[in-house]
Amino acid sequence: MGKGLLIIVSAPAGCGKDTVIEKLISGCSDIYYSVSATTRPMRKGELDGKSYYFISHGRFKEMIDSNDLLEYAEYVGNYYGTPKSPVLENMSAGKDVVLKIEVEGAKNVKNLFSDCVLIFLLPPSFQELERRLRLRGTEDEFAIASRILKAREEIKEVYGYDYAVVNDDLETAVDEIKSIIKAEKLSVKRGVKSIE
């Protein structure tokens, strides 16, 4: 059994990262979803340990100091980071690992794992992105405006990624990501199986 792929999915808030990843990993025992830690408050419907590990700023600083994070970044006033040991353990066990992280974190992980696969999830349009953010009903007008502004900046980074997937239709977006994973596993750059 070979080492699993490290797959990074990034997208601006409101692009449907959580829904796409949830659909991608449902029923797949060979894909491990890495739950990030964050200092932001829990939203309605989220679960600690499933959506994120919701921790205090103090605990987050302890994790930084003890080198327990693969990467971390500050985003819109809160910290987000990836606990290191579950990622390394699952990859060593041959499972593909999916990380849901923002652009800065993706760059940091790419520096550590040059063979990781970077996928950027795009909204169909900025109008649709704004509509989705409003539908969530979790943020006020200022927060929505901040997220739209941040999204415009983040989308400029798409050219630093390996793949871009537009999340216009959930099933199509998930199928495209599955195709990317399959293609990466067959890539010559990852080695050729013996034909003896």
C-alpha atoms as a PDB file:
ATOM      1  CA  MET A   1       0.000   0.000   0.000  1.00  0.00           C
ATOM      2  CA  GLY A   2       1.428   3.358  -1.040  1.00  0.00           C
ATOM      3  CA  LYS A   3       1.248   6.696   0.658  1.00  0.00           C
ATOM      4  CA  GLY A   4      -2.049   8.550   0.344  1.00  0.00           C
ATOM      5  CA  LEU A   5      -2.501  11.802  -1.557  1.00  0.00           C
ATOM      6  CA  LEU A   6      -2.694  15.104   0.263  1.00  0.00           C
ATOM      7  CA  ILE A   7      -5.546  17.078  -1.307  1.00  0.00           C
ATOM      8  CA  ILE A   8      -6.166  20.711  -0.441  1.00  0.00           C
ATOM      9  CA  VAL A   9      -9.512  22.339  -1.183  1.00  0.00           C
ATOM     10  CA  SER A  10      -9.671  26.126  -0.899  1.00  0.00           C
ATOM     11  CA  ALA A  11     -12.501  28.509  -1.679  1.00  0.00           C
ATOM     12  CA  PRO A  12     -13.926  31.805  -0.533  1.00  0.00           C
ATOM     13  CA  ALA A  13     -16.619  31.663   2.147  1.00  0.00           C
ATOM     14  CA  GLY A  14     -20.001  30.774   0.685  1.00  0.00           C
ATOM     15  CA  CYS A  15     -18.685  28.648  -2.214  1.00  0.00           C
ATOM     16  CA  GLY A  16     -19.933  25.404  -0.684  1.00  0.00           C
ATOM     17  CA  LYS A  17     -16.626  23.868   0.467  1.00  0.00           C
ATOM     18  CA  ASP A  18     -18.243  22.008   3.364  1.00  0.00           C
ATOM     19  CA  THR A  19     -21.072  20.591   1.264  1.00  0.00           C
ATOM     20  CA  VAL A  20     -18.757  19.502  -1.557  1.00  0.00           C
ATOM     21  CA  ILE A  21     -16.286  17.840   0.816  1.00  0.00           C
ATOM     22  CA  GLU A  22     -19.061  16.144   2.799  1.00  0.00           C
ATOM     23  CA  LYS A  23     -20.450  14.657  -0.424  1.00  0.00           C
ATOM     24  CA  LEU A  24     -16.944  13.709  -1.621  1.00  0.00           C
ATOM     25  CA  ILE A  25     -16.064  11.725   1.501  1.00  0.00           C
ATOM     26  CA  SER A  26     -19.473  10.167   2.186  1.00  0.00           C
ATOM     27  CA  GLY A  27     -19.154   6.429   1.802  1.00  0.00           C
ATOM     28  CA  CYS A  28     -15.404   6.618   1.024  1.00  0.00           C
ATOM     29  CA  SER A  29     -13.380   4.755   3.621  1.00  0.00           C
ATOM     30  CA  ASP A  30     -10.128   5.540   1.780  1.00  0.00           C
ATOM     31  CA  ILE A  31     -10.470   9.328   2.171  1.00  0.00           C
ATOM     32  CA  TYR A  32      -9.821  11.025   5.516  1.00  0.00           C
ATOM     33  CA  TYR A  33     -11.133  14.531   6.108  1.00  0.00           C
ATOM     34  CA  SER A  34      -8.807  16.550   8.294  1.00  0.00           C
ATOM     35  CA  VAL A  35     -10.823  18.623  10.768  1.00  0.00           C
ATOM     36  CA  SER A  36      -9.262  22.058  11.265  1.00  0.00           C
ATOM     37  CA  ALA A  37      -9.001  23.938  14.536  1.00  0.00           C
ATOM     38  CA  THR A  38     -10.365  27.478  14.755  1.00  0.00           C
ATOM     39  CA  THR A  39     -10.845  30.282  17.235  1.00  0.00           C
ATOM     40  CA  ARG A  40     -13.997  31.550  15.541  1.00  0.00           C
ATOM     41  CA  PRO A  41     -17.357  31.015  17.262  1.00  0.00           C
ATOM     42  CA  MET A  42     -19.420  27.970  16.360  1.00  0.00           C
ATOM     43  CA  ARG A  43     -22.279  28.618  13.918  1.00  0.00           C
ATOM     44  CA  LYS A  44     -25.735  27.127  14.119  1.00  0.00           C
ATOM     45  CA  GLY A  45     -25.682  23.511  12.946  1.00  0.00           C
ATOM     46  CA  GLU A  46     -21.933  23.049  13.417  1.00  0.00           C
ATOM     47  CA  LEU A  47     -20.489  20.364  15.673  1.00  0.00           C
ATOM     48  CA  ASP A  48     -17.247  20.548  17.638  1.00  0.00           C
ATOM     49  CA  GLY A  49     -14.854  17.892  16.343  1.00  0.00           C
ATOM     50  CA  LYS A  50     -16.798  17.418  13.099  1.00  0.00           C
ATOM     51  CA  SER A  51     -17.109  20.903  11.579  1.00  0.00           C
ATOM     52  CA  TYR A  52     -14.024  22.253  13.367  1.00  0.00           C
ATOM     53  CA  TYR A  53     -12.281  21.917  16.694  1.00  0.00           C
ATOM     54  CA  PHE A  54     -13.520  25.139  18.284  1.00  0.00           C
ATOM     55  CA  ILE A  55     -10.796  26.283  20.661  1.00  0.00           C
ATOM     56  CA  SER A  56      -9.727  29.413  22.505  1.00  0.00           C
ATOM     57  CA  HIS A  57      -7.033  31.808  21.300  1.00  0.00           C
ATOM     58  CA  GLY A  58      -4.886  30.627  24.218  1.00  0.00           C
ATOM     59  CA  ARG A  59      -5.160  26.945  23.261  1.00  0.00           C
ATOM     60  CA  PHE A  60      -4.423  27.813  19.633  1.00  0.00           C
ATOM     61  CA  LYS A  61      -1.231  29.631  20.700  1.00  0.00           C
ATOM     62  CA  GLU A  62      -0.202  26.530  22.702  1.00  0.00           C
ATOM     63  CA  MET A  63      -0.620  24.381  19.580  1.00  0.00           C
ATOM     64  CA  ILE A  64       1.550  26.814  17.587  1.00  0.00           C
ATOM     65  CA  ASP A  65       4.247  26.831  20.285  1.00  0.00           C
ATOM     66  CA  SER A  66       4.359  23.026  20.529  1.00  0.00           C
ATOM     67  CA  ASN A  67       4.518  22.602  16.717  1.00  0.00           C
ATOM     68  CA  ASP A  68       1.253  20.617  16.677  1.00  0.00           C
ATOM     69  CA  LEU A  69      -0.029  22.343  13.525  1.00  0.00           C
ATOM     70  CA  LEU A  70       0.812  21.539   9.926  1.00  0.00           C
ATOM     71  CA  GLU A  71      -0.157  25.099   8.995  1.00  0.00           C
ATOM     72  CA  TYR A  72      -2.125  27.972  10.439  1.00  0.00           C
ATOM     73  CA  ALA A  73      -3.298  31.392   9.383  1.00  0.00           C
ATOM     74  CA  GLU A  74      -5.425  34.278  10.519  1.00  0.00           C
ATOM     75  CA  TYR A  75      -8.562  34.894   8.482  1.00  0.00           C
ATOM     76  CA  VAL A  76     -11.053  37.713   9.109  1.00  0.00           C
ATOM     77  CA  GLY A  77      -9.885  38.095  12.728  1.00  0.00           C
ATOM     78  CA  ASN A  78      -9.784  34.405  13.703  1.00  0.00           C
ATOM     79  CA  TYR A  79      -7.143  31.684  13.584  1.00  0.00           C
ATOM     80  CA  TYR A  80      -7.520  28.495  11.570  1.00  0.00           C
ATOM     81  CA  GLY A  81      -5.048  25.621  11.567  1.00  0.00           C
ATOM     82  CA  THR A  82      -4.520  21.970  10.671  1.00  0.00           C
ATOM     83  CA  PRO A  83      -3.567  19.526  13.446  1.00  0.00           C
ATOM     84  CA  LYS A  84      -0.459  17.729  12.146  1.00  0.00           C
ATOM     85  CA  SER A  85      -0.503  14.175  13.520  1.00  0.00           C
ATOM     86  CA  PRO A  86      -3.839  12.910  12.052  1.00  0.00           C
ATOM     87  CA  VAL A  87      -2.764  14.051   8.570  1.00  0.00           C
ATOM     88  CA  LEU A  88       0.599  12.272   8.682  1.00  0.00           C
ATOM     89  CA  GLU A  89      -0.835   9.105  10.271  1.00  0.00           C
ATOM     90  CA  ASN A  90      -3.610   8.720   7.681  1.00  0.00           C
ATOM     91  CA  MET A  91      -1.332   9.396   4.715  1.00  0.00           C
ATOM     92  CA  SER A  92       1.143   6.811   6.035  1.00  0.00           C
ATOM     93  CA  ALA A  93      -1.739   4.326   6.289  1.00  0.00           C
ATOM     94  CA  GLY A  94      -2.428   4.852   2.557  1.00  0.00           C
ATOM     95  CA  LYS A  95      -5.503   7.041   2.908  1.00  0.00           C
ATOM     96  CA  ASP A  96      -5.986  10.172   0.849  1.00  0.00           C
ATOM     97  CA  VAL A  97      -6.291  13.195   3.141  1.00  0.00           C
ATOM     98  CA  VAL A  98      -8.488  16.185   2.315  1.00  0.00           C
ATOM     99  CA  LEU A  99      -7.660  19.522   3.907  1.00  0.00           C
ATOM    100  CA  LYS A 100     -10.096  22.432   3.723  1.00  0.00           C
ATOM    101  CA  ILE A 101      -7.860  25.453   4.140  1.00  0.00           C
ATOM    102  CA  GLU A 102      -7.583  28.997   2.884  1.00  0.00           C
ATOM    103  CA  VAL A 103      -5.074  30.351   0.387  1.00  0.00           C
ATOM    104  CA  GLU A 104      -2.274  31.288   2.789  1.00  0.00           C
ATOM    105  CA  GLY A 105      -2.445  27.913   4.519  1.00  0.00           C
ATOM    106  CA  ALA A 106      -2.445  26.120   1.157  1.00  0.00           C
ATOM    107  CA  LYS A 107       0.798  27.873   0.197  1.00  0.00           C
ATOM    108  CA  ASN A 108       2.370  26.855   3.515  1.00  0.00           C
ATOM    109  CA  VAL A 109       1.384  23.194   3.044  1.00  0.00           C
ATOM    110  CA  LYS A 110       2.625  23.223  -0.578  1.00  0.00           C
ATOM    111  CA  ASN A 111       6.030  24.323   0.757  1.00  0.00           C
ATOM    112  CA  LEU A 112       6.059  21.283   3.078  1.00  0.00           C
ATOM    113  CA  PHE A 113       4.486  18.769   0.653  1.00  0.00           C
ATOM    114  CA  SER A 114       5.439  19.702  -2.894  1.00  0.00           C
ATOM    115  CA  ASP A 115       3.403  16.804  -4.316  1.00  0.00           C
ATOM    116  CA  CYS A 116       0.119  17.825  -2.677  1.00  0.00           C
ATOM    117  CA  VAL A 117      -2.842  18.487  -4.969  1.00  0.00           C
ATOM    118  CA  LEU A 118      -4.307  22.005  -4.804  1.00  0.00           C
ATOM    119  CA  ILE A 119      -7.953  22.436  -5.854  1.00  0.00           C
ATOM    120  CA  PHE A 120      -9.657  25.823  -5.861  1.00  0.00           C
ATOM    121  CA  LEU A 121     -13.450  25.808  -5.654  1.00  0.00           C
ATOM    122  CA  LEU A 122     -14.995  28.795  -7.434  1.00  0.00           C
ATOM    123  CA  PRO A 123     -18.492  30.280  -7.226  1.00  0.00           C
ATOM    124  CA  PRO A 124     -20.451  30.520 -10.496  1.00  0.00           C
ATOM    125  CA  SER A 125     -20.454  34.329 -10.045  1.00  0.00           C
ATOM    126  CA  PHE A 126     -19.994  37.000  -7.380  1.00  0.00           C
ATOM    127  CA  GLN A 127     -23.747  37.583  -7.419  1.00  0.00           C
ATOM    128  CA  GLU A 128     -24.349  33.916  -6.580  1.00  0.00           C
ATOM    129  CA  LEU A 129     -21.671  34.044  -3.899  1.00  0.00           C
ATOM    130  CA  GLU A 130     -23.377  37.011  -2.242  1.00  0.00           C
ATOM    131  CA  ARG A 131     -26.758  35.248  -2.491  1.00  0.00           C
ATOM    132  CA  ARG A 132     -25.329  32.134  -0.786  1.00  0.00           C
ATOM    133  CA  LEU A 133     -23.767  34.188   1.998  1.00  0.00           C
ATOM    134  CA  ARG A 134     -27.092  35.917   2.653  1.00  0.00           C
ATOM    135  CA  LEU A 135     -28.957  32.583   2.612  1.00  0.00           C
ATOM    136  CA  ARG A 136     -26.734  31.267   5.416  1.00  0.00           C
ATOM    137  CA  GLY A 137     -28.153  33.958   7.682  1.00  0.00           C
ATOM    138  CA  THR A 138     -25.115  33.760   9.968  1.00  0.00           C
ATOM    139  CA  GLU A 139     -23.562  37.168   9.352  1.00  0.00           C
ATOM    140  CA  ASP A 140     -24.501  40.817   9.346  1.00  0.00           C
ATOM    141  CA  GLU A 141     -24.102  43.185   6.365  1.00  0.00           C
ATOM    142  CA  PHE A 142     -20.605  44.251   7.397  1.00  0.00           C
ATOM    143  CA  ALA A 143     -19.417  40.624   7.636  1.00  0.00           C
ATOM    144  CA  ILE A 144     -20.967  39.772   4.257  1.00  0.00           C
ATOM    145  CA  ALA A 145     -19.289  42.793   2.625  1.00  0.00           C
ATOM    146  CA  SER A 146     -15.957  41.783   4.237  1.00  0.00           C
ATOM    147  CA  ARG A 147     -16.288  38.221   2.944  1.00  0.00           C
ATOM    148  CA  ILE A 148     -17.102  39.412  -0.604  1.00  0.00           C
ATOM    149  CA  LEU A 149     -14.077  41.721  -0.561  1.00  0.00           C
ATOM    150  CA  LYS A 150     -11.888  38.886   0.766  1.00  0.00           C
ATOM    151  CA  ALA A 151     -13.295  36.529  -1.904  1.00  0.00           C
ATOM    152  CA  ARG A 152     -12.268  38.941  -4.681  1.00  0.00           C
ATOM    153  CA  GLU A 153      -8.700  38.884  -3.318  1.00  0.00           C
ATOM    154  CA  GLU A 154      -8.618  35.097  -2.823  1.00  0.00           C
ATOM    155  CA  ILE A 155      -9.883  34.309  -6.315  1.00  0.00           C
ATOM    156  CA  LYS A 156      -6.851  36.107  -7.743  1.00  0.00           C
ATOM    157  CA  GLU A 157      -4.768  33.271  -6.225  1.00  0.00           C
ATOM    158  CA  VAL A 158      -6.465  30.554  -8.332  1.00  0.00           C
ATOM    159  CA  TYR A 159      -3.493  30.462 -10.738  1.00  0.00           C
ATOM    160  CA  GLY A 160      -1.271  29.130  -7.951  1.00  0.00           C
ATOM    161  CA  TYR A 161      -3.479  26.025  -7.745  1.00  0.00           C
ATOM    162  CA  ASP A 162      -3.344  22.830  -9.793  1.00  0.00           C
ATOM    163  CA  TYR A 163      -7.069  22.719 -10.568  1.00  0.00           C
ATOM    164  CA  ALA A 164     -10.122  24.990 -10.513  1.00  0.00           C
ATOM    165  CA  VAL A 165     -13.642  23.590 -10.084  1.00  0.00           C
ATOM    166  CA  VAL A 166     -16.741  25.779 -10.404  1.00  0.00           C
ATOM    167  CA  ASN A 167     -19.380  24.810  -7.838  1.00  0.00           C
ATOM    168  CA  ASP A 168     -22.467  25.561  -9.907  1.00  0.00           C
ATOM    169  CA  ASP A 169     -23.928  22.068  -9.453  1.00  0.00           C
ATOM    170  CA  LEU A 170     -22.982  19.939  -6.413  1.00  0.00           C
ATOM    171  CA  GLU A 171     -22.908  16.553  -8.174  1.00  0.00           C
ATOM    172  CA  THR A 172     -20.827  17.891 -11.050  1.00  0.00           C
ATOM    173  CA  ALA A 173     -18.324  19.595  -8.719  1.00  0.00           C
ATOM    174  CA  VAL A 174     -17.897  16.399  -6.658  1.00  0.00           C
ATOM    175  CA  ASP A 175     -17.499  14.268  -9.809  1.00  0.00           C
ATOM    176  CA  GLU A 176     -14.858  16.655 -11.123  1.00  0.00           C
ATOM    177  CA  ILE A 177     -12.883  16.431  -7.860  1.00  0.00           C
ATOM    178  CA  LYS A 178     -13.120  12.612  -7.935  1.00  0.00           C
ATOM    179  CA  SER A 179     -11.761  12.729 -11.499  1.00  0.00           C
ATOM    180  CA  ILE A 180      -8.875  14.926 -10.363  1.00  0.00           C
ATOM    181  CA  ILE A 181      -7.994  12.468  -7.578  1.00  0.00           C
ATOM    182  CA  LYS A 182      -8.131   9.522  -9.985  1.00  0.00           C
ATOM    183  CA  ALA A 183      -5.958  11.325 -12.546  1.00  0.00           C
ATOM    184  CA  GLU A 184      -3.400  12.271  -9.887  1.00  0.00           C
ATOM    185  CA  LYS A 185      -3.134   8.636  -8.750  1.00  0.00           C
ATOM    186  CA  LEU A 186      -2.410   7.616 -12.374  1.00  0.00           C
ATOM    187  CA  SER A 187       0.067  10.438 -12.933  1.00  0.00           C
ATOM    188  CA  VAL A 188       3.518   9.354 -14.049  1.00  0.00           C
ATOM    189  CA  LYS A 189       5.040  11.943 -11.711  1.00  0.00           C
ATOM    190  CA  ARG A 190       3.833   9.781  -8.791  1.00  0.00           C
ATOM    191  CA  GLY A 191       5.600   6.721 -10.149  1.00  0.00           C
ATOM    192  CA  VAL A 192       4.821   3.888 -12.513  1.00  0.00           C
ATOM    193  CA  LYS A 193       3.805   0.473 -11.217  1.00  0.00           C
ATOM    194  CA  SER A 194       6.018  -2.374 -12.302  1.00  0.00           C
ATOM    195  CA  ILE A 195       4.959  -4.216 -15.459  1.00  0.00           C
ATOM    196  CA  GLU A 196       7.048  -7.338 -14.835  1.00  0.00           C
END
